[in-house]
Amino acid sequence: MFDFILNLVGLYFRWILYTVVALLVIYLFLHRLMRYFGTRNIIDEYVSMVIEWIRDAFRD
């Protein structure tokens, strides 16, 4: 039973890790693409907007 619970916890953390890694890869790809086209500020502004939205969501 304890092994089953540890497997569920490991699965949970693995999905969190995969989500973080996938978002990081997407961000780095878009950042490099925007640098290539010379519009890097668009991605930086979008990321700051999303961070501000998350802060506002958890502020209340």
PDB file of N, CA and C in Angstrom:
ATOM      1  N   MET A   1       0.824  -1.191   0.000  1.00  0.00           N
ATOM      2  CA  MET A   1       0.000   0.000   0.000  1.00  0.00           C
ATOM      3  C   MET A   1       0.876   1.266   0.000  1.00  0.00           C
ATOM      4  N   PHE A   2       1.945   1.220   0.808  1.00  0.00           N
ATOM      5  CA  PHE A   2       2.857   2.357   0.870  1.00  0.00           C
ATOM      6  C   PHE A   2       3.548   2.572  -0.473  1.00  0.00           C
ATOM      7  N   ASP A   3       3.881   1.466  -1.131  1.00  0.00           N
ATOM      8  CA  ASP A   3       4.506   1.556  -2.457  1.00  0.00           C
ATOM      9  C   ASP A   3       3.549   2.193  -3.470  1.00  0.00           C
ATOM     10  N   PHE A   4       2.277   1.874  -3.377  1.00  0.00           N
ATOM     11  CA  PHE A   4       1.275   2.453  -4.262  1.00  0.00           C
ATOM     12  C   PHE A   4       1.172   3.965  -4.058  1.00  0.00           C
ATOM     13  N   ILE A   5       1.189   4.391  -2.792  1.00  0.00           N
ATOM     14  CA  ILE A   5       1.106   5.820  -2.487  1.00  0.00           C
ATOM     15  C   ILE A   5       2.350   6.535  -3.007  1.00  0.00           C
ATOM     16  N   LEU A   6       3.525   5.936  -2.833  1.00  0.00           N
ATOM     17  CA  LEU A   6       4.746   6.543  -3.349  1.00  0.00           C
ATOM     18  C   LEU A   6       4.729   6.620  -4.873  1.00  0.00           C
ATOM     19  N   ASN A   7       4.150   5.627  -5.526  1.00  0.00           N
ATOM     20  CA  ASN A   7       4.023   5.687  -6.984  1.00  0.00           C
ATOM     21  C   ASN A   7       3.126   6.837  -7.418  1.00  0.00           C
ATOM     22  N   LEU A   8       2.043   7.077  -6.704  1.00  0.00           N
ATOM     23  CA  LEU A   8       1.154   8.193  -7.034  1.00  0.00           C
ATOM     24  C   LEU A   8       1.849   9.532  -6.816  1.00  0.00           C
ATOM     25  N   VAL A   9       2.592   9.651  -5.720  1.00  0.00           N
ATOM     26  CA  VAL A   9       3.324  10.888  -5.448  1.00  0.00           C
ATOM     27  C   VAL A   9       4.382  11.112  -6.522  1.00  0.00           C
ATOM     28  N   GLY A  10       5.093  10.048  -6.899  1.00  0.00           N
ATOM     29  CA  GLY A  10       6.100  10.161  -7.953  1.00  0.00           C
ATOM     30  C   GLY A  10       5.481  10.557  -9.281  1.00  0.00           C
ATOM     31  N   LEU A  11       4.320  10.009  -9.599  1.00  0.00           N
ATOM     32  CA  LEU A  11       3.615  10.376 -10.830  1.00  0.00           C
ATOM     33  C   LEU A  11       3.202  11.839 -10.805  1.00  0.00           C
ATOM     34  N   TYR A  12       2.716  12.289  -9.661  1.00  0.00           N
ATOM     35  CA  TYR A  12       2.315  13.687  -9.503  1.00  0.00           C
ATOM     36  C   TYR A  12       3.502  14.619  -9.728  1.00  0.00           C
ATOM     37  N   PHE A  13       4.635  14.338  -9.083  1.00  0.00           N
ATOM     38  CA  PHE A  13       5.811  15.183  -9.247  1.00  0.00           C
ATOM     39  C   PHE A  13       6.384  15.092 -10.656  1.00  0.00           C
ATOM     40  N   ARG A  14       6.272  13.926 -11.279  1.00  0.00           N
ATOM     41  CA  ARG A  14       6.755  13.785 -12.646  1.00  0.00           C
ATOM     42  C   ARG A  14       5.931  14.648 -13.598  1.00  0.00           C
ATOM     43  N   TRP A  15       4.616  14.703 -13.412  1.00  0.00           N
ATOM     44  CA  TRP A  15       3.791  15.539 -14.280  1.00  0.00           C
ATOM     45  C   TRP A  15       4.076  17.017 -14.071  1.00  0.00           C
ATOM     46  N   ILE A  16       4.337  17.395 -12.802  1.00  0.00           N
ATOM     47  CA  ILE A  16       4.711  18.785 -12.541  1.00  0.00           C
ATOM     48  C   ILE A  16       6.029  19.097 -13.241  1.00  0.00           C
ATOM     49  N   LEU A  17       7.008  18.188 -13.122  1.00  0.00           N
ATOM     50  CA  LEU A  17       8.307  18.407 -13.760  1.00  0.00           C
ATOM     51  C   LEU A  17       8.163  18.498 -15.271  1.00  0.00           C
ATOM     52  N   TYR A  18       7.380  17.594 -15.869  1.00  0.00           N
ATOM     53  CA  TYR A  18       7.192  17.635 -17.316  1.00  0.00           C
ATOM     54  C   TYR A  18       6.522  18.932 -17.749  1.00  0.00           C
ATOM     55  N   THR A  19       5.567  19.411 -16.972  1.00  0.00           N
ATOM     56  CA  THR A  19       4.884  20.663 -17.305  1.00  0.00           C
ATOM     57  C   THR A  19       5.848  21.842 -17.251  1.00  0.00           C
ATOM     58  N   VAL A  20       6.663  21.903 -16.206  1.00  0.00           N
ATOM     59  CA  VAL A  20       7.628  22.991 -16.076  1.00  0.00           C
ATOM     60  C   VAL A  20       8.652  22.933 -17.202  1.00  0.00           C
ATOM     61  N   VAL A  21       9.147  21.742 -17.515  1.00  0.00           N
ATOM     62  CA  VAL A  21      10.137  21.606 -18.582  1.00  0.00           C
ATOM     63  C   VAL A  21       9.525  21.980 -19.931  1.00  0.00           C
ATOM     64  N   ALA A  22       8.285  21.549 -20.178  1.00  0.00           N
ATOM     65  CA  ALA A  22       7.637  21.880 -21.450  1.00  0.00           C
ATOM     66  C   ALA A  22       7.430  23.391 -21.584  1.00  0.00           C
ATOM     67  N   LEU A  23       6.982  24.044 -20.520  1.00  0.00           N
ATOM     68  CA  LEU A  23       6.797  25.492 -20.575  1.00  0.00           C
ATOM     69  C   LEU A  23       8.119  26.218 -20.762  1.00  0.00           C
ATOM     70  N   LEU A  24       9.170  25.717 -20.136  1.00  0.00           N
ATOM     71  CA  LEU A  24      10.489  26.326 -20.296  1.00  0.00           C
ATOM     72  C   LEU A  24      10.999  26.171 -21.728  1.00  0.00           C
ATOM     73  N   VAL A  25      10.790  25.000 -22.313  1.00  0.00           N
ATOM     74  CA  VAL A  25      11.222  24.773 -23.705  1.00  0.00           C
ATOM     75  C   VAL A  25      10.444  25.682 -24.661  1.00  0.00           C
ATOM     76  N   ILE A  26       9.141  25.796 -24.444  1.00  0.00           N
ATOM     77  CA  ILE A  26       8.324  26.667 -25.287  1.00  0.00           C
ATOM     78  C   ILE A  26       8.771  28.118 -25.150  1.00  0.00           C
ATOM     79  N   TYR A  27       9.033  28.553 -23.910  1.00  0.00           N
ATOM     80  CA  TYR A  27       9.478  29.931 -23.697  1.00  0.00           C
ATOM     81  C   TYR A  27      10.819  30.187 -24.386  1.00  0.00           C
ATOM     82  N   LEU A  28      11.760  29.259 -24.221  1.00  0.00           N
ATOM     83  CA  LEU A  28      13.073  29.458 -24.828  1.00  0.00           C
ATOM     84  C   LEU A  28      13.001  29.441 -26.353  1.00  0.00           C
ATOM     85  N   PHE A  29      12.152  28.566 -26.911  1.00  0.00           N
ATOM     86  CA  PHE A  29      11.975  28.538 -28.357  1.00  0.00           C
ATOM     87  C   PHE A  29      11.390  29.856 -28.861  1.00  0.00           C
ATOM     88  N   LEU A  30      10.346  30.342 -28.200  1.00  0.00           N
ATOM     89  CA  LEU A  30       9.731  31.602 -28.625  1.00  0.00           C
ATOM     90  C   LEU A  30      10.677  32.777 -28.416  1.00  0.00           C
ATOM     91  N   HIS A  31      11.455  32.734 -27.349  1.00  0.00           N
ATOM     92  CA  HIS A  31      12.401  33.816 -27.095  1.00  0.00           C
ATOM     93  C   HIS A  31      13.460  33.865 -28.190  1.00  0.00           C
ATOM     94  N   ARG A  32      13.961  32.704 -28.581  1.00  0.00           N
ATOM     95  CA  ARG A  32      14.964  32.663 -29.651  1.00  0.00           C
ATOM     96  C   ARG A  32      14.354  33.084 -30.991  1.00  0.00           C
ATOM     97  N   LEU A  33      13.114  32.651 -31.241  1.00  0.00           N
ATOM     98  CA  LEU A  33      12.446  33.014 -32.485  1.00  0.00           C
ATOM     99  C   LEU A  33      12.211  34.522 -32.559  1.00  0.00           C
ATOM    100  N   MET A  34      11.765  35.106 -31.458  1.00  0.00           N
ATOM    101  CA  MET A  34      11.512  36.542 -31.440  1.00  0.00           C
ATOM    102  C   MET A  34      12.824  37.327 -31.531  1.00  0.00           C
ATOM    103  N   ARG A  35      13.901  36.810 -30.954  1.00  0.00           N
ATOM    104  CA  ARG A  35      15.201  37.477 -31.103  1.00  0.00           C
ATOM    105  C   ARG A  35      15.658  37.443 -32.543  1.00  0.00           C
ATOM    106  N   TYR A  36      15.357  36.341 -33.232  1.00  0.00           N
ATOM    107  CA  TYR A  36      15.730  36.219 -34.640  1.00  0.00           C
ATOM    108  C   TYR A  36      14.991  37.254 -35.481  1.00  0.00           C
ATOM    109  N   PHE A  37      13.719  37.475 -35.173  1.00  0.00           N
ATOM    110  CA  PHE A  37      12.923  38.440 -35.920  1.00  0.00           C
ATOM    111  C   PHE A  37      13.078  39.865 -35.386  1.00  0.00           C
ATOM    112  N   GLY A  38      13.781  40.033 -34.270  1.00  0.00           N
ATOM    113  CA  GLY A  38      14.020  41.369 -33.734  1.00  0.00           C
ATOM    114  C   GLY A  38      12.879  41.924 -32.906  1.00  0.00           C
ATOM    115  N   THR A  39      11.986  41.078 -32.411  1.00  0.00           N
ATOM    116  CA  THR A  39      10.853  41.552 -31.599  1.00  0.00           C
ATOM    117  C   THR A  39      10.857  40.870 -30.242  1.00  0.00           C
ATOM    118  N   ARG A  40      11.977  40.889 -29.546  1.00  0.00           N
ATOM    119  CA  ARG A  40      12.120  40.187 -28.277  1.00  0.00           C
ATOM    120  C   ARG A  40      11.201  40.757 -27.208  1.00  0.00           C
ATOM    121  N   ASN A  41      10.881  42.023 -27.266  1.00  0.00           N
ATOM    122  CA  ASN A  41      10.073  42.651 -26.224  1.00  0.00           C
ATOM    123  C   ASN A  41       8.657  42.104 -26.158  1.00  0.00           C
ATOM    124  N   ILE A  42       8.158  41.541 -27.238  1.00  0.00           N
ATOM    125  CA  ILE A  42       6.796  40.990 -27.236  1.00  0.00           C
ATOM    126  C   ILE A  42       6.695  39.821 -26.265  1.00  0.00           C
ATOM    127  N   ILE A  43       7.648  38.902 -26.303  1.00  0.00           N
ATOM    128  CA  ILE A  43       7.617  37.734 -25.421  1.00  0.00           C
ATOM    129  C   ILE A  43       7.839  38.161 -23.971  1.00  0.00           C
ATOM    130  N   ASP A  44       8.774  39.072 -23.734  1.00  0.00           N
ATOM    131  CA  ASP A  44       9.022  39.540 -22.370  1.00  0.00           C
ATOM    132  C   ASP A  44       7.796  40.232 -21.795  1.00  0.00           C
ATOM    133  N   GLU A  45       7.122  41.022 -22.596  1.00  0.00           N
ATOM    134  CA  GLU A  45       5.903  41.703 -22.148  1.00  0.00           C
ATOM    135  C   GLU A  45       4.788  40.695 -21.869  1.00  0.00           C
ATOM    136  N   TYR A  46       4.672  39.681 -22.704  1.00  0.00           N
ATOM    137  CA  TYR A  46       3.648  38.656 -22.502  1.00  0.00           C
ATOM    138  C   TYR A  46       3.904  37.878 -21.215  1.00  0.00           C
ATOM    139  N   VAL A  47       5.158  37.511 -20.964  1.00  0.00           N
ATOM    140  CA  VAL A  47       5.487  36.758 -19.745  1.00  0.00           C
ATOM    141  C   VAL A  47       5.220  37.614 -18.514  1.00  0.00           C
ATOM    142  N   SER A  48       5.580  38.866 -18.538  1.00  0.00           N
ATOM    143  CA  SER A  48       5.305  39.734 -17.385  1.00  0.00           C
ATOM    144  C   SER A  48       3.804  39.919 -17.188  1.00  0.00           C
ATOM    145  N   MET A  49       3.033  39.967 -18.274  1.00  0.00           N
ATOM    146  CA  MET A  49       1.582  40.074 -18.167  1.00  0.00           C
ATOM    147  C   MET A  49       0.984  38.821 -17.534  1.00  0.00           C
ATOM    148  N   VAL A  50       1.481  37.647 -17.913  1.00  0.00           N
ATOM    149  CA  VAL A  50       0.985  36.390 -17.333  1.00  0.00           C
ATOM    150  C   VAL A  50       1.352  36.304 -15.855  1.00  0.00           C
ATOM    151  N   ILE A  51       2.559  36.709 -15.491  1.00  0.00           N
ATOM    152  CA  ILE A  51       2.967  36.693 -14.082  1.00  0.00           C
ATOM    153  C   ILE A  51       2.105  37.639 -13.269  1.00  0.00           C
ATOM    154  N   GLU A  52       1.816  38.796 -13.799  1.00  0.00           N
ATOM    155  CA  GLU A  52       0.948  39.754 -13.099  1.00  0.00           C
ATOM    156  C   GLU A  52      -0.471  39.198 -12.957  1.00  0.00           C
ATOM    157  N   TRP A  53      -0.958  38.488 -13.958  1.00  0.00           N
ATOM    158  CA  TRP A  53      -2.288  37.880 -13.889  1.00  0.00           C
ATOM    159  C   TRP A  53      -2.330  36.810 -12.810  1.00  0.00           C
ATOM    160  N   ILE A  54      -1.278  36.014 -12.691  1.00  0.00           N
ATOM    161  CA  ILE A  54      -1.223  34.979 -11.656  1.00  0.00           C
ATOM    162  C   ILE A  54      -1.158  35.623 -10.275  1.00  0.00           C
ATOM    163  N   ARG A  55      -0.395  36.683 -10.125  1.00  0.00           N
ATOM    164  CA  ARG A  55      -0.334  37.383  -8.838  1.00  0.00           C
ATOM    165  C   ARG A  55      -1.693  37.948  -8.449  1.00  0.00           C
ATOM    166  N   ASP A  56      -2.394  38.528  -9.403  1.00  0.00           N
ATOM    167  CA  ASP A  56      -3.725  39.069  -9.115  1.00  0.00           C
ATOM    168  C   ASP A  56      -4.709  37.965  -8.760  1.00  0.00           C
ATOM    169  N   ALA A  57      -4.570  36.811  -9.370  1.00  0.00           N
ATOM    170  CA  ALA A  57      -5.487  35.703  -9.089  1.00  0.00           C
ATOM    171  C   ALA A  57      -5.322  35.198  -7.665  1.00  0.00           C
ATOM    172  N   PHE A  58      -4.092  35.173  -7.149  1.00  0.00           N
ATOM    173  CA  PHE A  58      -3.855  34.650  -5.802  1.00  0.00           C
ATOM    174  C   PHE A  58      -3.827  35.740  -4.736  1.00  0.00           C
ATOM    175  N   ARG A  59      -3.974  36.985  -5.139  1.00  0.00           N
ATOM    176  CA  ARG A  59      -3.953  38.090  -4.169  1.00  0.00           C
ATOM    177  C   ARG A  59      -5.234  38.147  -3.348  1.00  0.00           C
ATOM    178  N   ASP A  60      -6.352  37.827  -3.939  1.00  0.00           N
ATOM    179  CA  ASP A  60      -7.650  37.928  -3.234  1.00  0.00           C
ATOM    180  C   ASP A  60      -7.850  36.824  -2.234  1.00  0.00           C
TER     181      ASP A  60
END
